[in-house]
Amino acid sequence: ERSLLFSRSPLQDRISAMLSERAHRLNSKLLSLVSQRVSSDTFDKVKKMIRDLISKLMEEATSETEHKGWCDTELATNKLTRESKTEDVSKLQAEVEDLTNTISDLTQDIADLSSGVQELTAAMAQATSERASSKEINEETIKEAKAAQAAISQATSILKDFYAKSAEATAFEQQTPAEDAPETFTKPYKGMLPENGNVVDFLEVIFSDFARLESDTSTAEAMEVEAFKKFMFESEKDKALKENEIEHKQASRTNKETSLHEAKSELKATQEQLDKAMAYYEKLKPTCVDSGITYEERVKQREEEIQSLQEALQILTGTDVDLS
């Protein structure tokens, strides 16, 4: 029944063919749809449809220009944020790693120094114990040597006195040899003599041995005291230096641990900001980045679609198109 009321004109066929060719060249679904409608509707409906489409395409162009400006701004801002936060995250990660390594090194240094202090403390305790033991032995040796010298000196004095008196007594009682005088009392008594000297000489040798023992032991004691004092001084100094270094390294480690805690907190916050920026970029991509064709390509296609529709309308009206 519709075919009886509506007859398609050659002009419509011309416009339909032109729009179909443009649709194929531009790969435009819109022009393809209009091409089909042109051949099936009346002139008035076709003209109204084309005018409406031209107006709609212009509104879309204005809207897309605004959207393009918004996308450009958002993408640029987002890019700066992503780049800035990526750089910040990288720096903070390096800082965290550096602080972690520094704290580990300080901890090892403190452990080594503490071990050194313990070794020095043990060495000084052992040296003190050995010094006390050696001192006791040396003092006892000196005491015994002095006592021996005193005893030998006293014995020597007694013997000398005895020998002197014996010699005097022998001289006093000595007379011209008589018939009743034994030959054994013709010379002064000098005691039981060793092969190369008398008992007094022997005691004097022993006395000198004990005197030398006392002297050598006193000298050894003095040298040991001096060596002990030097060792203790050097050890105390080394221990004090190590303890001072431990104190400084512990303070440094505490500061580094505080800095590490702050760096980790800042890294966490910055990473969250970067993650949000990355998520927002993914949200922008469908409408601002991955739309299939570029903005310039869309603008060019829309302009050619508008131009094609304007040409079709001009053919239908036979006049210039007023789009105002």
Protein backbone atom coordinates (compact mmCIF):
# COMPACT_ATOMS: atom_id res chain seq x y z
CA GLU A 1 0.00 0.00 0.00
CA ARG A 2 2.91 2.37 0.79
CA SER A 3 4.37 1.76 -2.69
CA LEU A 4 1.14 3.03 -4.21
CA LEU A 5 1.31 6.33 -2.28
CA PHE A 6 5.07 6.94 -2.55
CA SER A 7 7.13 7.02 -5.72
CA ARG A 8 10.94 7.38 -5.52
CA SER A 9 12.45 10.08 -7.78
CA PRO A 10 15.71 9.97 -9.71
CA LEU A 11 16.93 12.83 -7.54
CA GLN A 12 16.59 10.63 -4.46
CA ASP A 13 18.45 7.87 -6.22
CA ARG A 14 21.22 10.33 -7.03
CA ILE A 15 21.47 11.53 -3.44
CA SER A 16 21.27 7.97 -2.11
CA ALA A 17 24.05 6.84 -4.45
CA MET A 18 26.23 9.82 -3.51
CA LEU A 19 25.76 9.22 0.23
CA SER A 20 26.33 5.48 -0.21
CA GLU A 21 29.62 6.17 -2.00
CA ARG A 22 30.68 8.60 0.72
CA ALA A 23 29.66 6.11 3.42
CA HIS A 24 31.82 3.44 1.83
CA ARG A 25 34.79 5.78 1.40
CA LEU A 26 34.54 7.21 4.92
CA ASN A 27 33.43 3.95 6.49
CA SER A 28 30.51 5.93 7.94
CA LYS A 29 27.55 4.03 9.34
CA LEU A 30 25.67 7.32 9.65
CA LEU A 31 25.88 8.15 5.95
CA SER A 32 25.02 4.55 5.06
CA LEU A 33 21.87 4.80 7.19
CA VAL A 34 20.93 8.18 5.66
CA SER A 35 21.49 6.74 2.17
CA GLN A 36 18.91 4.07 2.87
CA ARG A 37 16.41 6.54 4.34
CA VAL A 38 16.75 8.97 1.42
CA SER A 39 15.50 6.35 -0.99
CA SER A 40 12.55 5.34 1.18
CA ASP A 41 11.13 8.60 2.66
CA THR A 42 9.49 11.71 1.22
CA PHE A 43 11.49 14.85 0.36
CA ASP A 44 10.19 16.74 3.39
CA LYS A 45 11.09 13.95 5.80
CA VAL A 46 14.48 13.51 4.16
CA LYS A 47 15.26 17.22 4.32
CA LYS A 48 14.18 17.42 7.98
CA MET A 49 16.22 14.34 8.80
CA ILE A 50 19.35 15.75 7.11
CA ARG A 51 18.95 19.14 8.82
CA ASP A 52 18.54 17.41 12.17
CA LEU A 53 21.60 15.25 11.59
CA ILE A 54 23.72 18.24 10.56
CA SER A 55 22.65 20.06 13.71
CA LYS A 56 23.33 16.97 15.82
CA LEU A 57 26.79 16.48 14.27
CA MET A 58 27.69 20.12 14.95
CA GLU A 59 26.56 19.76 18.56
CA GLU A 60 28.65 16.60 18.84
CA ALA A 61 31.62 18.47 17.37
CA THR A 62 31.25 21.23 19.96
CA SER A 63 30.78 18.69 22.75
CA GLU A 64 33.74 16.62 21.59
CA THR A 65 35.92 19.73 21.36
CA GLU A 66 35.05 20.49 24.96
CA HIS A 67 35.61 16.85 25.87
CA LYS A 68 38.95 16.90 24.03
CA GLY A 69 40.02 19.94 26.02
CA TRP A 70 38.96 18.23 29.24
CA CYS A 71 40.81 15.04 28.23
CA ASP A 72 43.94 16.95 27.31
CA THR A 73 43.92 18.70 30.68
CA GLU A 74 43.19 15.55 32.66
CA LEU A 75 45.73 13.47 30.74
CA ALA A 76 48.44 16.11 31.07
CA THR A 77 47.78 16.52 34.79
CA ASN A 78 47.62 12.77 35.28
CA LYS A 79 50.85 12.26 33.33
CA LEU A 80 52.67 14.80 35.48
CA THR A 81 51.30 13.11 38.60
CA ARG A 82 52.29 9.63 37.44
CA GLU A 83 55.78 10.73 36.42
CA SER A 84 56.30 12.72 39.61
CA LYS A 85 55.02 9.96 41.90
CA THR A 86 56.97 7.30 40.00
CA GLU A 87 60.16 9.31 40.51
CA ASP A 88 59.30 9.87 44.18
CA VAL A 89 58.60 6.17 44.71
CA SER A 90 61.91 5.25 43.06
CA LYS A 91 63.84 7.71 45.25
CA LEU A 92 62.08 6.55 48.41
CA GLN A 93 62.71 2.90 47.58
CA ALA A 94 66.40 3.68 47.11
CA GLU A 95 66.40 5.62 50.39
CA VAL A 96 64.71 2.74 52.25
CA GLU A 97 67.24 0.28 50.81
CA ASP A 98 70.16 2.54 51.69
CA LEU A 99 68.90 3.12 55.24
CA THR A 100 68.27 -0.60 55.71
CA ASN A 101 71.83 -1.42 54.61
CA THR A 102 73.27 1.34 56.81
CA ILE A 103 71.35 0.08 59.86
CA SER A 104 72.57 -3.45 59.14
CA ASP A 105 76.18 -2.22 58.90
CA LEU A 106 75.85 -0.21 62.12
CA THR A 107 74.35 -3.22 63.92
CA GLN A 108 77.28 -5.39 62.80
CA ASP A 109 79.79 -2.69 63.82
CA ILE A 110 78.18 -2.39 67.26
CA ALA A 111 78.29 -6.18 67.68
CA ASP A 112 81.98 -6.29 66.66
CA LEU A 113 82.86 -3.41 68.99
CA SER A 114 80.91 -4.98 71.88
CA SER A 115 82.76 -8.23 71.30
CA GLY A 116 86.03 -6.28 71.37
CA VAL A 117 85.06 -4.65 74.67
CA GLN A 118 84.22 -8.05 76.16
CA GLU A 119 87.57 -9.45 75.02
CA LEU A 120 89.41 -6.48 76.52
CA THR A 121 87.49 -6.82 79.80
CA ALA A 122 88.33 -10.53 79.97
CA ALA A 123 92.00 -9.88 79.10
CA MET A 124 92.30 -7.17 81.78
CA ALA A 125 90.64 -9.45 84.36
CA GLN A 126 93.05 -12.26 83.49
CA ALA A 127 96.05 -9.89 83.57
CA THR A 128 94.94 -8.55 86.97
CA SER A 129 94.58 -12.09 88.33
CA GLU A 130 97.99 -13.14 86.95
CA ARG A 131 99.59 -9.96 88.27
CA ALA A 132 98.19 -10.58 91.75
CA SER A 133 99.41 -14.19 91.69
CA SER A 134 102.86 -13.21 90.39
CA LYS A 135 103.11 -10.40 92.95
CA GLU A 136 102.31 -12.79 95.75
CA ILE A 137 104.95 -15.26 94.55
CA ASN A 138 107.58 -12.53 94.08
CA GLU A 139 106.91 -11.00 97.49
CA GLU A 140 107.13 -14.42 99.13
CA THR A 141 110.39 -15.12 97.24
CA ILE A 142 111.86 -11.77 98.33
CA LYS A 143 110.69 -12.34 101.89
CA GLU A 144 112.28 -15.78 102.01
CA ALA A 145 115.51 -14.49 100.39
CA LYS A 146 115.74 -11.72 102.99
CA ALA A 147 115.06 -14.15 105.81
CA ALA A 148 117.72 -16.51 104.44
CA GLN A 149 120.22 -13.66 104.18
CA ALA A 150 119.48 -12.61 107.73
CA ALA A 151 119.88 -16.17 108.99
CA ILE A 152 123.11 -16.70 107.01
CA SER A 153 124.43 -13.34 108.18
CA GLN A 154 123.69 -14.25 111.77
CA ALA A 155 125.28 -17.72 111.39
CA THR A 156 128.32 -16.21 109.69
CA SER A 157 128.70 -13.70 112.54
CA ILE A 158 128.43 -16.45 115.13
CA LEU A 159 130.99 -18.61 113.31
CA LYS A 160 133.38 -15.72 112.86
CA ASP A 161 133.11 -14.90 116.53
CA PHE A 162 133.56 -18.54 117.46
CA TYR A 163 136.59 -18.91 115.20
CA ALA A 164 138.12 -15.75 116.56
CA LYS A 165 137.72 -16.90 120.16
CA SER A 166 139.04 -20.36 119.34
CA ALA A 167 142.10 -18.84 117.74
CA GLU A 168 142.74 -16.68 120.80
CA ALA A 169 142.27 -19.61 123.17
CA THR A 170 144.65 -21.73 121.18
CA ALA A 171 147.27 -19.01 121.15
CA PHE A 172 146.88 -18.43 124.89
CA GLU A 173 147.29 -22.05 125.81
CA GLN A 174 150.06 -22.77 123.27
CA GLN A 175 153.58 -23.34 124.83
CA THR A 176 156.88 -24.77 123.81
CA PRO A 177 156.31 -28.33 122.87
CA ALA A 178 156.57 -30.52 125.94
CA GLU A 179 156.41 -34.15 126.43
CA ASP A 180 152.71 -34.03 127.52
CA ALA A 181 151.42 -31.68 124.64
CA PRO A 182 149.58 -33.41 121.83
CA GLU A 183 150.78 -32.48 118.38
CA THR A 184 147.15 -31.68 117.21
CA PHE A 185 146.99 -28.49 119.35
CA THR A 186 150.13 -26.90 118.04
CA LYS A 187 148.08 -24.60 115.53
CA PRO A 188 144.94 -22.39 115.96
CA TYR A 189 141.57 -24.20 115.32
CA LYS A 190 139.78 -22.92 112.24
CA GLY A 191 136.90 -25.40 111.99
CA MET A 192 135.98 -27.97 109.35
CA LEU A 193 137.36 -26.43 106.17
CA PRO A 194 136.16 -27.31 102.65
CA GLU A 195 138.71 -28.13 100.03
CA ASN A 196 139.03 -24.54 98.75
CA GLY A 197 138.02 -22.52 101.80
CA ASN A 198 136.39 -22.49 105.19
CA VAL A 199 132.70 -22.66 106.24
CA VAL A 200 132.40 -18.85 106.41
CA ASP A 201 133.40 -18.54 102.77
CA PHE A 202 130.80 -21.13 101.85
CA LEU A 203 128.10 -19.28 103.78
CA GLU A 204 129.07 -16.01 102.11
CA VAL A 205 128.61 -17.66 98.68
CA ILE A 206 125.14 -18.83 99.72
CA PHE A 207 124.42 -15.35 101.10
CA SER A 208 125.32 -13.78 97.75
CA ASP A 209 123.07 -16.28 95.96
CA PHE A 210 120.09 -15.24 98.10
CA ALA A 211 120.99 -11.56 97.67
CA ARG A 212 121.05 -12.02 93.90
CA LEU A 213 117.73 -13.88 94.07
CA GLU A 214 116.23 -10.98 96.02
CA SER A 215 117.62 -8.44 93.54
CA ASP A 216 116.54 -10.38 90.47
CA THR A 217 113.07 -10.98 91.89
CA SER A 218 112.68 -7.30 92.85
CA THR A 219 113.80 -6.26 89.36
CA ALA A 220 111.42 -8.76 87.76
CA GLU A 221 108.59 -7.53 89.99
CA ALA A 222 109.25 -3.92 89.02
CA MET A 223 109.31 -4.83 85.33
CA GLU A 224 106.11 -6.85 85.65
CA VAL A 225 104.41 -3.95 87.44
CA GLU A 226 105.49 -1.56 84.67
CA ALA A 227 104.31 -3.95 81.94
CA PHE A 228 101.02 -4.49 83.77
CA LYS A 229 100.42 -0.75 84.14
CA LYS A 230 101.19 -0.18 80.45
CA PHE A 231 98.90 -3.03 79.37
CA MET A 232 96.07 -1.81 81.59
CA PHE A 233 96.48 1.79 80.37
CA GLU A 234 96.42 0.78 76.71
CA SER A 235 93.52 -1.62 77.29
CA GLU A 236 91.48 0.94 79.23
CA LYS A 237 92.10 3.50 76.50
CA ASP A 238 91.12 1.06 73.76
CA LYS A 239 88.05 0.01 75.73
CA ALA A 240 86.99 3.62 76.28
CA LEU A 241 87.41 4.37 72.56
CA LYS A 242 85.34 1.32 71.63
CA GLU A 243 82.61 2.16 74.15
CA ASN A 244 82.51 5.75 72.87
CA GLU A 245 82.25 4.50 69.29
CA ILE A 246 79.48 2.10 70.31
CA GLU A 247 77.57 5.00 71.87
CA HIS A 248 77.90 7.10 68.71
CA LYS A 249 76.92 4.22 66.43
CA GLN A 250 73.91 3.38 68.60
CA ALA A 251 72.76 7.01 68.41
CA SER A 252 73.33 6.99 64.65
CA ARG A 253 71.39 3.73 64.30
CA THR A 254 68.49 5.18 66.30
CA ASN A 255 68.40 8.20 63.98
CA LYS A 256 68.58 5.96 60.90
CA GLU A 257 65.78 3.77 62.25
CA THR A 258 63.62 6.86 62.74
CA SER A 259 64.43 8.02 59.21
CA LEU A 260 63.66 4.53 57.88
CA HIS A 261 60.27 4.52 59.58
CA GLU A 262 59.48 7.94 58.11
CA ALA A 263 60.73 6.90 54.65
CA LYS A 264 58.60 3.74 54.70
CA SER A 265 55.51 5.72 55.74
CA GLU A 266 56.15 8.28 53.01
CA LEU A 267 56.79 5.51 50.48
CA LYS A 268 53.49 3.84 51.37
CA ALA A 269 51.55 7.10 50.99
CA THR A 270 53.33 7.99 47.73
CA GLN A 271 52.76 4.49 46.32
CA GLU A 272 49.05 4.82 47.13
CA GLN A 273 48.96 8.17 45.31
CA LEU A 274 50.73 6.60 42.31
CA ASP A 275 48.30 3.68 42.32
CA LYS A 276 45.36 6.11 42.31
CA ALA A 277 46.90 8.08 39.44
CA MET A 278 47.44 4.85 37.46
CA ALA A 279 43.86 3.75 38.16
CA TYR A 280 42.54 7.13 37.00
CA TYR A 281 44.62 6.87 33.83
CA GLU A 282 43.01 3.49 33.11
CA LYS A 283 39.64 5.16 33.64
CA LEU A 284 40.53 7.94 31.16
CA LYS A 285 41.84 5.60 28.47
CA PRO A 286 38.50 4.36 27.04
CA THR A 287 37.20 7.87 26.25
CA CYS A 288 40.41 9.87 25.98
CA VAL A 289 43.04 7.44 24.65
CA ASP A 290 41.75 4.11 23.32
CA SER A 291 38.72 5.28 21.31
CA GLY A 292 39.75 3.44 18.15
CA ILE A 293 40.63 6.51 16.08
CA THR A 294 42.37 9.74 16.95
CA TYR A 295 40.58 12.96 17.74
CA GLU A 296 41.87 14.46 14.49
CA GLU A 297 40.52 11.50 12.52
CA ARG A 298 37.12 11.83 14.20
CA VAL A 299 37.00 15.58 13.47
CA LYS A 300 37.92 15.02 9.84
CA GLN A 301 35.31 12.26 9.43
CA ARG A 302 32.60 14.36 11.08
CA GLU A 303 33.44 17.34 8.87
CA GLU A 304 33.19 15.17 5.76
CA GLU A 305 29.92 13.69 7.01
CA ILE A 306 28.51 17.20 7.56
CA GLN A 307 29.79 18.28 4.14
CA SER A 308 28.21 15.24 2.50
CA LEU A 309 24.90 15.91 4.25
CA GLN A 310 25.05 19.59 3.29
CA GLU A 311 25.66 18.63 -0.34
CA ALA A 312 22.71 16.24 -0.21
CA LEU A 313 20.51 18.95 1.28
CA GLN A 314 21.64 21.42 -1.39
CA ILE A 315 20.70 18.91 -4.08
CA LEU A 316 17.30 18.44 -2.46
CA THR A 317 16.59 22.17 -2.06
CA GLY A 318 18.53 23.44 -5.02
CA THR A 319 19.79 26.30 -2.84
CA ASP A 320 22.63 27.03 -0.37
CA VAL A 321 22.09 25.57 3.05
CA ASP A 322 21.54 27.99 5.92
CA LEU A 323 22.70 26.24 9.03
CA SER A 324 22.30 29.16 11.42
